[in-house]
PDB file of N, CA and C in Angstrom:
ATOM      1  N   MET A   1       0.557  -1.377  -0.011  1.00  0.00           N
ATOM      2  CA  MET A   1      -0.069  -0.166  -0.218  1.00  0.00           C
ATOM      3  C   MET A   1       1.029   1.323   0.044  1.00  0.00           C
ATOM      4  N   THR A   2       0.532   2.328  -1.064  1.00  0.00           N
ATOM      5  CA  THR A   2       1.411   3.391  -1.053  1.00  0.00           C
ATOM      6  C   THR A   2       0.885   4.369  -0.130  1.00  0.00           C
ATOM      7  N   PRO A   3       1.599   5.560   0.417  1.00  0.00           N
ATOM      8  CA  PRO A   3       1.380   6.322   1.423  1.00  0.00           C
ATOM      9  C   PRO A   3       0.068   7.199   0.474  1.00  0.00           C
ATOM     10  N   ILE A   4      -0.299   7.284  -0.695  1.00  0.00           N
ATOM     11  CA  ILE A   4      -1.322   8.131  -0.986  1.00  0.00           C
ATOM     12  C   ILE A   4      -2.526   7.298  -0.732  1.00  0.00           C
ATOM     13  N   GLU A   5      -2.119   6.061  -0.957  1.00  0.00           N
ATOM     14  CA  GLU A   5      -3.479   5.044  -0.679  1.00  0.00           C
ATOM     15  C   GLU A   5      -3.995   5.024   0.711  1.00  0.00           C
ATOM     16  N   ALA A   6      -2.719   4.747   1.576  1.00  0.00           N
ATOM     17  CA  ALA A   6      -3.196   5.233   3.009  1.00  0.00           C
ATOM     18  C   ALA A   6      -3.697   6.347   3.506  1.00  0.00           C
ATOM     19  N   ILE A   7      -3.326   7.587   3.146  1.00  0.00           N
ATOM     20  CA  ILE A   7      -4.192   8.671   3.231  1.00  0.00           C
ATOM     21  C   ILE A   7      -5.361   8.639   2.753  1.00  0.00           C
ATOM     22  N   ARG A   8      -5.356   8.183   1.549  1.00  0.00           N
ATOM     23  CA  ARG A   8      -6.916   8.025   0.867  1.00  0.00           C
ATOM     24  C   ARG A   8      -7.828   7.090   1.944  1.00  0.00           C
ATOM     25  N   ASP A   9      -7.591   6.077   2.148  1.00  0.00           N
ATOM     26  CA  ASP A   9      -8.499   5.274   3.221  1.00  0.00           C
ATOM     27  C   ASP A   9      -8.675   5.988   4.443  1.00  0.00           C
ATOM     28  N   ALA A  10      -7.524   6.549   5.072  1.00  0.00           N
ATOM     29  CA  ALA A  10      -7.877   7.256   6.303  1.00  0.00           C
ATOM     30  C   ALA A  10      -8.623   8.161   6.178  1.00  0.00           C
ATOM     31  N   ARG A  11      -8.650   9.362   5.369  1.00  0.00           N
ATOM     32  CA  ARG A  11      -9.536  10.308   4.748  1.00  0.00           C
ATOM     33  C   ARG A  11     -11.175   9.556   4.697  1.00  0.00           C
ATOM     34  N   ALA A  12     -11.185   8.375   4.173  1.00  0.00           N
ATOM     35  CA  ALA A  12     -12.599   7.765   3.950  1.00  0.00           C
ATOM     36  C   ALA A  12     -12.969   7.479   5.357  1.00  0.00           C
ATOM     37  N   LEU A  13     -12.144   6.925   5.982  1.00  0.00           N
ATOM     38  CA  LEU A  13     -12.794   6.745   7.554  1.00  0.00           C
ATOM     39  C   LEU A  13     -12.966   8.086   8.247  1.00  0.00           C
ATOM     40  N   LEU A  14     -12.500   9.009   8.368  1.00  0.00           N
ATOM     41  CA  LEU A  14     -12.557   9.963   9.149  1.00  0.00           C
ATOM     42  C   LEU A  14     -13.801  10.751   8.591  1.00  0.00           C
ATOM     43  N   ASN A  15     -14.288  10.489   7.085  1.00  0.00           N
ATOM     44  CA  ASN A  15     -15.629  11.169   6.780  1.00  0.00           C
ATOM     45  C   ASN A  15     -16.711  10.980   7.868  1.00  0.00           C
ATOM     46  N   GLU A  16     -17.756  11.917   8.104  1.00  0.00           N
ATOM     47  CA  GLU A  16     -19.032  11.745   8.761  1.00  0.00           C
ATOM     48  C   GLU A  16     -19.733  10.824   7.926  1.00  0.00           C
ATOM     49  N   ALA A  17     -20.567   9.806   9.081  1.00  0.00           N
ATOM     50  CA  ALA A  17     -21.685   9.004   8.238  1.00  0.00           C
ATOM     51  C   ALA A  17     -22.686   9.949   7.875  1.00  0.00           C
ATOM     52  N   PRO A  18     -23.633   9.431   6.887  1.00  0.00           N
ATOM     53  CA  PRO A  18     -24.772  10.488   6.571  1.00  0.00           C
ATOM     54  C   PRO A  18     -25.657  10.426   7.899  1.00  0.00           C
ATOM     55  N   ALA A  19     -26.202  11.474   7.867  1.00  0.00           N
ATOM     56  CA  ALA A  19     -27.056  11.844   9.072  1.00  0.00           C
ATOM     57  C   ALA A  19     -28.307  11.293   8.827  1.00  0.00           C
ATOM     58  N   GLU A  20     -28.917  10.538   9.951  1.00  0.00           N
ATOM     59  CA  GLU A  20     -30.266   9.552   9.712  1.00  0.00           C
ATOM     60  C   GLU A  20     -31.505  10.184  10.299  1.00  0.00           C
ATOM     61  N   GLN A  21     -32.193  10.545   9.446  1.00  0.00           N
ATOM     62  CA  GLN A  21     -33.784  11.264   9.459  1.00  0.00           C
ATOM     63  C   GLN A  21     -34.337  10.773  10.808  1.00  0.00           C
ATOM     64  N   PRO A  22     -34.770  11.879  11.728  1.00  0.00           N
ATOM     65  CA  PRO A  22     -35.278  11.607  12.772  1.00  0.00           C
ATOM     66  C   PRO A  22     -36.900  10.929  12.548  1.00  0.00           C
ATOM     67  N   LYS A  23     -36.985   9.563  13.158  1.00  0.00           N
ATOM     68  CA  LYS A  23     -38.410   9.352  13.016  1.00  0.00           C
ATOM     69  C   LYS A  23     -39.452   9.468  13.817  1.00  0.00           C
ATOM     70  N   PRO A  24     -40.573   9.754  13.666  1.00  0.00           N
ATOM     71  CA  PRO A  24     -41.723  10.497  14.355  1.00  0.00           C
ATOM     72  C   PRO A  24     -42.211   9.668  15.498  1.00  0.00           C
ATOM     73  N   LEU A  25     -42.156   8.169  15.435  1.00  0.00           N
ATOM     74  CA  LEU A  25     -42.453   7.281  16.416  1.00  0.00           C
ATOM     75  C   LEU A  25     -41.547   7.434  17.571  1.00  0.00           C
ATOM     76  N   ARG A  26     -40.222   7.328  17.225  1.00  0.00           N
ATOM     77  CA  ARG A  26     -38.907   7.339  18.247  1.00  0.00           C
ATOM     78  C   ARG A  26     -39.284   8.462  19.159  1.00  0.00           C
ATOM     79  N   LEU A  27     -39.442   9.940  18.362  1.00  0.00           N
ATOM     80  CA  LEU A  27     -39.474  11.181  19.249  1.00  0.00           C
ATOM     81  C   LEU A  27     -40.759  10.993  20.033  1.00  0.00           C
ATOM     82  N   LEU A  28     -41.728  10.652  19.328  1.00  0.00           N
ATOM     83  CA  LEU A  28     -42.988  10.225  20.146  1.00  0.00           C
ATOM     84  C   LEU A  28     -42.826   9.284  21.359  1.00  0.00           C
ATOM     85  N   ALA A  29     -42.225   8.311  21.387  1.00  0.00           N
ATOM     86  CA  ALA A  29     -41.997   7.276  22.405  1.00  0.00           C
ATOM     87  C   ALA A  29     -40.640   8.238  23.559  1.00  0.00           C
ATOM     88  N   ALA A  30     -39.912   8.701  22.991  1.00  0.00           N
ATOM     89  CA  ALA A  30     -39.101   9.249  23.916  1.00  0.00           C
ATOM     90  C   ALA A  30     -39.772  10.372  24.932  1.00  0.00           C
ATOM     91  N   ALA A  31     -40.426  11.029  23.939  1.00  0.00           N
ATOM     92  CA  ALA A  31     -41.483  12.383  25.044  1.00  0.00           C
ATOM     93  C   ALA A  31     -42.384  11.550  25.972  1.00  0.00           C
ATOM     94  N   ALA A  32     -43.029  10.203  25.361  1.00  0.00           N
ATOM     95  CA  ALA A  32     -43.777   9.858  26.187  1.00  0.00           C
ATOM     96  C   ALA A  32     -43.134   9.256  27.784  1.00  0.00           C
ATOM     97  N   PHE A  33     -42.107   8.763  27.448  1.00  0.00           N
ATOM     98  CA  PHE A  33     -41.174   8.562  28.486  1.00  0.00           C
ATOM     99  C   PHE A  33     -40.574   9.366  29.642  1.00  0.00           C
ATOM    100  N   ALA A  34     -40.434  10.426  28.893  1.00  0.00           N
ATOM    101  CA  ALA A  34     -39.710  11.631  29.664  1.00  0.00           C
ATOM    102  C   ALA A  34     -40.850  12.097  30.209  1.00  0.00           C
ATOM    103  N   ALA A  35     -42.015  12.211  29.751  1.00  0.00           N
ATOM    104  CA  ALA A  35     -42.961  12.784  30.675  1.00  0.00           C
ATOM    105  C   ALA A  35     -43.579  11.730  31.806  1.00  0.00           C
ATOM    106  N   THR A  36     -43.632  10.386  31.169  1.00  0.00           N
ATOM    107  CA  THR A  36     -43.988   9.579  32.405  1.00  0.00           C
ATOM    108  C   THR A  36     -43.139   9.517  33.888  1.00  0.00           C
ATOM    109  N   ALA A  37     -41.695   9.609  33.435  1.00  0.00           N
ATOM    110  CA  ALA A  37     -40.730   9.785  34.121  1.00  0.00           C
ATOM    111  C   ALA A  37     -40.740  10.943  35.232  1.00  0.00           C
ATOM    112  N   ALA A  38     -41.091  12.032  34.466  1.00  0.00           N
ATOM    113  CA  ALA A  38     -41.297  13.546  35.449  1.00  0.00           C
ATOM    114  C   ALA A  38     -42.387  13.288  36.169  1.00  0.00           C
ATOM    115  N   VAL A  39     -43.383  12.685  35.829  1.00  0.00           N
ATOM    116  CA  VAL A  39     -44.771  12.364  36.743  1.00  0.00           C
ATOM    117  C   VAL A  39     -44.792  11.345  37.655  1.00  0.00           C
ATOM    118  N   LEU A  40     -43.990  10.351  37.736  1.00  0.00           N
ATOM    119  CA  LEU A  40     -43.582   9.543  38.750  1.00  0.00           C
ATOM    120  C   LEU A  40     -42.636  10.355  39.784  1.00  0.00           C
ATOM    121  N   LEU A  41     -41.581  11.040  39.184  1.00  0.00           N
ATOM    122  CA  LEU A  41     -40.456  11.519  40.163  1.00  0.00           C
ATOM    123  C   LEU A  41     -41.344  12.815  40.693  1.00  0.00           C
ATOM    124  N   ALA A  42     -42.209  13.404  40.248  1.00  0.00           N
ATOM    125  CA  ALA A  42     -43.030  14.629  40.840  1.00  0.00           C
ATOM    126  C   ALA A  42     -43.809  13.785  41.928  1.00  0.00           C
ATOM    127  N   GLY A  43     -44.433  12.870  41.629  1.00  0.00           N
ATOM    128  CA  GLY A  43     -45.046  11.873  42.761  1.00  0.00           C
ATOM    129  C   GLY A  43     -44.478  11.690  43.880  1.00  0.00           C
ATOM    130  N   THR A  44     -42.994  11.303  43.695  1.00  0.00           N
ATOM    131  CA  THR A  44     -42.441  10.841  44.668  1.00  0.00           C
ATOM    132  C   THR A  44     -41.782  11.781  45.490  1.00  0.00           C
ATOM    133  N   MET A  45     -41.624  12.917  44.911  1.00  0.00           N
ATOM    134  CA  MET A  45     -41.038  14.279  45.640  1.00  0.00           C
ATOM    135  C   MET A  45     -42.204  14.713  46.817  1.00  0.00           C
ATOM    136  N   VAL A  46     -43.454  14.850  46.030  1.00  0.00           N
ATOM    137  CA  VAL A  46     -44.666  15.464  46.743  1.00  0.00           C
ATOM    138  C   VAL A  46     -44.873  14.618  48.109  1.00  0.00           C
ATOM    139  N   VAL A  47     -45.203  13.419  48.021  1.00  0.00           N
ATOM    140  CA  VAL A  47     -45.835  12.437  48.800  1.00  0.00           C
ATOM    141  C   VAL A  47     -44.509  12.149  49.835  1.00  0.00           C
ATOM    142  N   GLY A  48     -43.109  11.938  49.238  1.00  0.00           N
ATOM    143  CA  GLY A  48     -42.201  11.697  49.790  1.00  0.00           C
ATOM    144  C   GLY A  48     -42.078  10.384  50.097  1.00  0.00           C
ATOM    145  N   PRO A  49     -40.539   9.633  50.626  1.00  0.00           N
ATOM    146  CA  PRO A  49     -40.391   8.281  50.717  1.00  0.00           C
ATOM    147  C   PRO A  49     -40.990   8.359  52.504  1.00  0.00           C
ATOM    148  N   GLY A  50     -41.347   6.777  52.409  1.00  0.00           N
ATOM    149  CA  GLY A  50     -41.618   6.410  53.854  1.00  0.00           C
ATOM    150  C   GLY A  50     -43.205   6.900  54.162  1.00  0.00           C
ATOM    151  N   VAL A  51     -43.910   7.236  53.497  1.00  0.00           N
ATOM    152  CA  VAL A  51     -45.381   7.799  53.383  1.00  0.00           C
ATOM    153  C   VAL A  51     -46.245   6.411  53.577  1.00  0.00           C
ATOM    154  N   SER A  52     -47.187   6.500  54.401  1.00  0.00           N
ATOM    155  CA  SER A  52     -48.034   5.287  54.230  1.00  0.00           C
ATOM    156  C   SER A  52     -49.504   5.957  54.572  1.00  0.00           C
ATOM    157  N   PHE A  53     -50.654   5.468  53.611  1.00  0.00           N
ATOM    158  CA  PHE A  53     -52.035   5.916  53.993  1.00  0.00           C
ATOM    159  C   PHE A  53     -52.539   4.668  54.762  1.00  0.00           C
ATOM    160  N   ASP A  54     -53.514   5.031  55.500  1.00  0.00           N
ATOM    161  CA  ASP A  54     -54.444   4.193  56.168  1.00  0.00           C
ATOM    162  C   ASP A  54     -55.450   3.798  55.651  1.00  0.00           C
ATOM    163  N   GLN A  55     -55.874   2.928  55.596  1.00  0.00           N
ATOM    164  CA  GLN A  55     -57.165   2.276  55.042  1.00  0.00           C
ATOM    165  C   GLN A  55     -58.415   3.163  55.685  1.00  0.00           C
ATOM    166  N   GLY A  56     -58.993   4.007  54.578  1.00  0.00           N
ATOM    167  CA  GLY A  56     -60.113   4.811  55.104  1.00  0.00           C
ATOM    168  C   GLY A  56     -61.274   4.522  55.355  1.00  0.00           C
ATOM    169  N   SER A  57     -62.176   4.875  56.050  1.00  0.00           N
ATOM    170  CA  SER A  57     -63.576   4.206  56.760  1.00  0.00           C
ATOM    171  C   SER A  57     -64.173   4.015  55.365  1.00  0.00           C
ATOM    172  N   THR A  58     -65.145   2.808  55.635  1.00  0.00           N
ATOM    173  CA  THR A  58     -66.171   2.408  54.514  1.00  0.00           C
ATOM    174  C   THR A  58     -67.155   3.489  54.499  1.00  0.00           C
ATOM    175  N   VAL A  59     -67.466   4.046  53.198  1.00  0.00           N
ATOM    176  CA  VAL A  59     -68.764   4.890  53.077  1.00  0.00           C
ATOM    177  C   VAL A  59     -69.659   4.034  52.327  1.00  0.00           C
ATOM    178  N   SER A  60     -70.842   4.515  53.118  1.00  0.00           N
ATOM    179  CA  SER A  60     -72.092   3.974  52.755  1.00  0.00           C
ATOM    180  C   SER A  60     -72.738   5.131  51.882  1.00  0.00           C
ATOM    181  N   ASN A  61     -73.601   4.563  51.017  1.00  0.00           N
ATOM    182  CA  ASN A  61     -74.151   5.301  50.057  1.00  0.00           C
ATOM    183  C   ASN A  61     -75.592   5.559  50.878  1.00  0.00           C
ATOM    184  N   PRO A  62     -76.380   7.020  50.654  1.00  0.00           N
ATOM    185  CA  PRO A  62     -77.441   6.973  51.253  1.00  0.00           C
ATOM    186  C   PRO A  62     -78.885   6.458  50.453  1.00  0.00           C
TER     187      PRO A  62
END
């Protein structure tokens, strides 16, 4: 392999890969995952760890 061929091969390896178009379904799934995680984390912060709820009294319908 000559130096010119080695340089050409190295330049070919350094070229950026073609950019992939974003897929709408992937973007929607990522947004849904982020929203779900935010809601779950917010619920944990508001209620706090170690909080327990007692069983409420039975409600009778009149």
